[in-house]
Amino acid sequence: MVEALYRFAAGIDLRDWGMFASAIAETVVSDFGPASAKAGFHYPVIEGRENLIAALSGSLAPFDTSHSVSNPLVTITGDTARMDALVEAQHVPKTDPSRHYLMKNRYDVELVRQGDGWVITRNTVDNIWRSGDVTVMAGV
């Protein structure tokens, strides 16, 4: 089940939206709001696989990203699960690799069993700390 979050993160970094899609339910809800608010910008709650892919592929297009997942804690209840994990997300502008913005985030992830694996049904991202140039995220 942690593998679903690995596919989520790797799909973003590799811009492999098929891999990313395989990690999330068709009706996924993704809330980056708590983390983005701490960084001083607004990122809306996004509902639905296609909407999430469109939002992330667009907003992250100017960046090279690197996500590292650690410390997953999982609770399974039948065919549903909840996972708390730390995800470090590095954002580097493709046009200026001398700048970066690094966020250490806590992911609260809800999952459901789908076939032989698991998919994310809801993901809420909060920020623990951040460093670098926050204006990177605004495209400045």
C-alpha atoms as a PDB file:
ATOM      1  CA  MET A   1       0.000   0.000   0.000  1.00  0.00           C
ATOM      2  CA  VAL A   2       2.913   2.380   0.579  1.00  0.00           C
ATOM      3  CA  GLU A   3       3.717   1.601  -3.030  1.00  0.00           C
ATOM      4  CA  ALA A   4       0.682   3.689  -4.065  1.00  0.00           C
ATOM      5  CA  LEU A   5       2.331   6.771  -2.545  1.00  0.00           C
ATOM      6  CA  TYR A   6       5.640   5.863  -4.226  1.00  0.00           C
ATOM      7  CA  ARG A   7       3.831   5.712  -7.599  1.00  0.00           C
ATOM      8  CA  PHE A   8       2.139   9.028  -6.795  1.00  0.00           C
ATOM      9  CA  ALA A   9       5.494  10.731  -6.094  1.00  0.00           C
ATOM     10  CA  ALA A  10       7.466   9.034  -8.891  1.00  0.00           C
ATOM     11  CA  GLY A  11       4.694   9.773 -11.385  1.00  0.00           C
ATOM     12  CA  ILE A  12       5.006  13.471 -10.595  1.00  0.00           C
ATOM     13  CA  ASP A  13       8.806  13.524 -10.781  1.00  0.00           C
ATOM     14  CA  LEU A  14       8.994  11.494 -13.984  1.00  0.00           C
ATOM     15  CA  ARG A  15       5.993  13.290 -15.497  1.00  0.00           C
ATOM     16  CA  ASP A  16       4.614   9.812 -16.046  1.00  0.00           C
ATOM     17  CA  TRP A  17       0.934  10.600 -15.705  1.00  0.00           C
ATOM     18  CA  GLY A  18      -0.028   6.979 -16.423  1.00  0.00           C
ATOM     19  CA  MET A  19       1.981   5.855 -13.400  1.00  0.00           C
ATOM     20  CA  PHE A  20       0.513   8.689 -11.367  1.00  0.00           C
ATOM     21  CA  ALA A  21      -3.024   7.733 -12.456  1.00  0.00           C
ATOM     22  CA  SER A  22      -2.415   4.143 -11.345  1.00  0.00           C
ATOM     23  CA  ALA A  23      -1.857   5.419  -7.788  1.00  0.00           C
ATOM     24  CA  ILE A  24      -5.122   7.321  -7.407  1.00  0.00           C
ATOM     25  CA  ALA A  25      -8.815   6.502  -7.486  1.00  0.00           C
ATOM     26  CA  GLU A  26     -10.981   7.970 -10.223  1.00  0.00           C
ATOM     27  CA  THR A  27     -12.792   9.987  -7.535  1.00  0.00           C
ATOM     28  CA  VAL A  28      -9.643  11.074  -5.650  1.00  0.00           C
ATOM     29  CA  VAL A  29      -9.723  14.233  -3.532  1.00  0.00           C
ATOM     30  CA  SER A  30      -6.412  16.023  -3.097  1.00  0.00           C
ATOM     31  CA  ASP A  31      -5.948  18.900  -0.664  1.00  0.00           C
ATOM     32  CA  PHE A  32      -2.601  20.710  -0.798  1.00  0.00           C
ATOM     33  CA  GLY A  33      -4.226  23.695   0.941  1.00  0.00           C
ATOM     34  CA  PRO A  34      -2.665  23.418   4.419  1.00  0.00           C
ATOM     35  CA  ALA A  35       0.865  23.210   2.973  1.00  0.00           C
ATOM     36  CA  SER A  36       0.400  25.892   0.337  1.00  0.00           C
ATOM     37  CA  ALA A  37      -1.131  28.307   2.869  1.00  0.00           C
ATOM     38  CA  LYS A  38       1.972  28.059   5.050  1.00  0.00           C
ATOM     39  CA  ALA A  39       4.060  28.917   1.980  1.00  0.00           C
ATOM     40  CA  GLY A  40       1.856  31.934   1.314  1.00  0.00           C
ATOM     41  CA  PHE A  41      -0.080  30.821  -1.740  1.00  0.00           C
ATOM     42  CA  HIS A  42      -3.414  29.163  -2.480  1.00  0.00           C
ATOM     43  CA  TYR A  43      -3.833  25.747  -4.096  1.00  0.00           C
ATOM     44  CA  PRO A  44      -7.467  24.625  -4.292  1.00  0.00           C
ATOM     45  CA  VAL A  45      -8.857  21.239  -3.283  1.00  0.00           C
ATOM     46  CA  ILE A  46      -8.972  19.127  -6.429  1.00  0.00           C
ATOM     47  CA  GLU A  47     -11.507  16.363  -7.043  1.00  0.00           C
ATOM     48  CA  GLY A  48     -11.196  13.630  -9.648  1.00  0.00           C
ATOM     49  CA  ARG A  49      -8.281  11.842 -11.289  1.00  0.00           C
ATOM     50  CA  GLU A  50      -8.362  13.773 -14.572  1.00  0.00           C
ATOM     51  CA  ASN A  51      -8.659  17.126 -12.793  1.00  0.00           C
ATOM     52  CA  LEU A  52      -5.743  16.314 -10.492  1.00  0.00           C
ATOM     53  CA  ILE A  53      -3.529  15.227 -13.376  1.00  0.00           C
ATOM     54  CA  ALA A  54      -4.399  18.380 -15.316  1.00  0.00           C
ATOM     55  CA  ALA A  55      -3.734  20.616 -12.302  1.00  0.00           C
ATOM     56  CA  LEU A  56      -0.398  19.071 -11.362  1.00  0.00           C
ATOM     57  CA  SER A  57       0.891  18.671 -14.913  1.00  0.00           C
ATOM     58  CA  GLY A  58       0.153  22.348 -15.491  1.00  0.00           C
ATOM     59  CA  SER A  59       1.329  23.859 -12.212  1.00  0.00           C
ATOM     60  CA  LEU A  60       4.506  21.778 -12.060  1.00  0.00           C
ATOM     61  CA  ALA A  61       5.472  22.145 -15.745  1.00  0.00           C
ATOM     62  CA  PRO A  62       8.048  24.900 -15.062  1.00  0.00           C
ATOM     63  CA  PHE A  63       9.873  22.777 -12.462  1.00  0.00           C
ATOM     64  CA  ASP A  64      12.112  19.821 -12.057  1.00  0.00           C
ATOM     65  CA  THR A  65      10.797  18.097  -8.944  1.00  0.00           C
ATOM     66  CA  SER A  66      12.100  15.483  -6.577  1.00  0.00           C
ATOM     67  CA  HIS A  67       9.845  13.828  -4.004  1.00  0.00           C
ATOM     68  CA  SER A  68      11.175  11.543  -1.251  1.00  0.00           C
ATOM     69  CA  VAL A  69       8.754   9.476   0.835  1.00  0.00           C
ATOM     70  CA  SER A  70       9.656   8.331   4.348  1.00  0.00           C
ATOM     71  CA  ASN A  71       8.259   7.125   7.676  1.00  0.00           C
ATOM     72  CA  PRO A  72       4.956   5.669   6.434  1.00  0.00           C
ATOM     73  CA  LEU A  73       2.637   4.581   9.232  1.00  0.00           C
ATOM     74  CA  VAL A  74      -0.277   2.478   7.993  1.00  0.00           C
ATOM     75  CA  THR A  75      -3.533   1.340   9.579  1.00  0.00           C
ATOM     76  CA  ILE A  76      -5.606  -1.177   7.591  1.00  0.00           C
ATOM     77  CA  THR A  77      -9.308  -1.760   8.201  1.00  0.00           C
ATOM     78  CA  GLY A  78     -10.627  -4.354   5.771  1.00  0.00           C
ATOM     79  CA  ASP A  79     -10.423  -2.894   2.271  1.00  0.00           C
ATOM     80  CA  THR A  80      -9.593   0.632   3.428  1.00  0.00           C
ATOM     81  CA  ALA A  81      -6.448   2.072   4.933  1.00  0.00           C
ATOM     82  CA  ARG A  82      -4.986   5.258   6.303  1.00  0.00           C
ATOM     83  CA  MET A  83      -1.362   6.249   5.980  1.00  0.00           C
ATOM     84  CA  ASP A  84       0.643   9.051   7.539  1.00  0.00           C
ATOM     85  CA  ALA A  85       3.927   9.717   5.736  1.00  0.00           C
ATOM     86  CA  LEU A  86       6.578  12.383   5.384  1.00  0.00           C
ATOM     87  CA  VAL A  87       7.257  13.635   1.868  1.00  0.00           C
ATOM     88  CA  GLU A  88      10.063  15.986   0.993  1.00  0.00           C
ATOM     89  CA  ALA A  89       9.284  17.933  -2.180  1.00  0.00           C
ATOM     90  CA  GLN A  90      12.041  19.865  -3.968  1.00  0.00           C
ATOM     91  CA  HIS A  91      11.047  22.334  -6.712  1.00  0.00           C
ATOM     92  CA  VAL A  92      13.724  23.737  -9.032  1.00  0.00           C
ATOM     93  CA  PRO A  93      12.851  26.078 -11.920  1.00  0.00           C
ATOM     94  CA  LYS A  94      13.916  24.574 -15.246  1.00  0.00           C
ATOM     95  CA  THR A  95      15.038  28.039 -16.368  1.00  0.00           C
ATOM     96  CA  ASP A  96      17.178  28.733 -13.265  1.00  0.00           C
ATOM     97  CA  PRO A  97      18.513  25.640 -11.478  1.00  0.00           C
ATOM     98  CA  SER A  98      20.424  27.832  -9.022  1.00  0.00           C
ATOM     99  CA  ARG A  99      17.120  28.487  -7.186  1.00  0.00           C
ATOM    100  CA  HIS A 100      14.940  26.026  -5.286  1.00  0.00           C
ATOM    101  CA  TYR A 101      12.093  25.639  -2.851  1.00  0.00           C
ATOM    102  CA  LEU A 102      12.093  22.629  -0.539  1.00  0.00           C
ATOM    103  CA  MET A 103       9.096  21.554   1.511  1.00  0.00           C
ATOM    104  CA  LYS A 104       8.939  18.822   4.168  1.00  0.00           C
ATOM    105  CA  ASN A 105       5.291  17.806   4.186  1.00  0.00           C
ATOM    106  CA  ARG A 106       3.113  15.444   6.170  1.00  0.00           C
ATOM    107  CA  TYR A 107       0.730  13.473   3.949  1.00  0.00           C
ATOM    108  CA  ASP A 108      -2.498  12.162   5.461  1.00  0.00           C
ATOM    109  CA  VAL A 109      -3.517   9.534   2.902  1.00  0.00           C
ATOM    110  CA  GLU A 110      -6.711   7.488   2.663  1.00  0.00           C
ATOM    111  CA  LEU A 111      -6.644   4.412   0.442  1.00  0.00           C
ATOM    112  CA  VAL A 112      -8.924   1.675  -0.810  1.00  0.00           C
ATOM    113  CA  ARG A 113      -8.063  -1.793  -2.042  1.00  0.00           C
ATOM    114  CA  GLN A 114      -8.488  -2.061  -5.814  1.00  0.00           C
ATOM    115  CA  GLY A 115      -7.854  -5.470  -7.331  1.00  0.00           C
ATOM    116  CA  ASP A 116      -4.466  -6.714  -6.107  1.00  0.00           C
ATOM    117  CA  GLY A 117      -3.300  -3.273  -4.993  1.00  0.00           C
ATOM    118  CA  TRP A 118      -4.264  -0.017  -3.356  1.00  0.00           C
ATOM    119  CA  VAL A 119      -5.171   3.431  -4.662  1.00  0.00           C
ATOM    120  CA  ILE A 120      -5.322   6.796  -2.943  1.00  0.00           C
ATOM    121  CA  THR A 121      -8.846   8.137  -2.416  1.00  0.00           C
ATOM    122  CA  ARG A 122      -7.919  11.256  -0.451  1.00  0.00           C
ATOM    123  CA  ASN A 123      -4.661  13.040   0.259  1.00  0.00           C
ATOM    124  CA  THR A 124      -4.258  16.011   2.574  1.00  0.00           C
ATOM    125  CA  VAL A 125      -0.861  17.698   2.625  1.00  0.00           C
ATOM    126  CA  ASP A 126       0.366  19.837   5.509  1.00  0.00           C
ATOM    127  CA  ASN A 127       3.770  21.457   5.815  1.00  0.00           C
ATOM    128  CA  ILE A 128       6.251  20.880   8.644  1.00  0.00           C
ATOM    129  CA  TRP A 129       9.072  23.116   7.401  1.00  0.00           C
ATOM    130  CA  ARG A 130      10.280  24.737   4.225  1.00  0.00           C
ATOM    131  CA  SER A 131      13.455  26.356   2.951  1.00  0.00           C
ATOM    132  CA  GLY A 132      14.747  28.158  -0.091  1.00  0.00           C
ATOM    133  CA  ASP A 133      13.161  30.808  -2.238  1.00  0.00           C
ATOM    134  CA  VAL A 134       9.357  30.770  -1.885  1.00  0.00           C
ATOM    135  CA  THR A 135       9.007  32.981  -4.970  1.00  0.00           C
ATOM    136  CA  VAL A 136      10.038  29.926  -6.996  1.00  0.00           C
ATOM    137  CA  MET A 137       6.514  28.567  -6.472  1.00  0.00           C
ATOM    138  CA  ALA A 138       4.978  31.743  -7.880  1.00  0.00           C
ATOM    139  CA  GLY A 139       7.042  31.466 -11.027  1.00  0.00           C
ATOM    140  CA  VAL A 140       8.978  34.624 -10.155  1.00  0.00           C
END
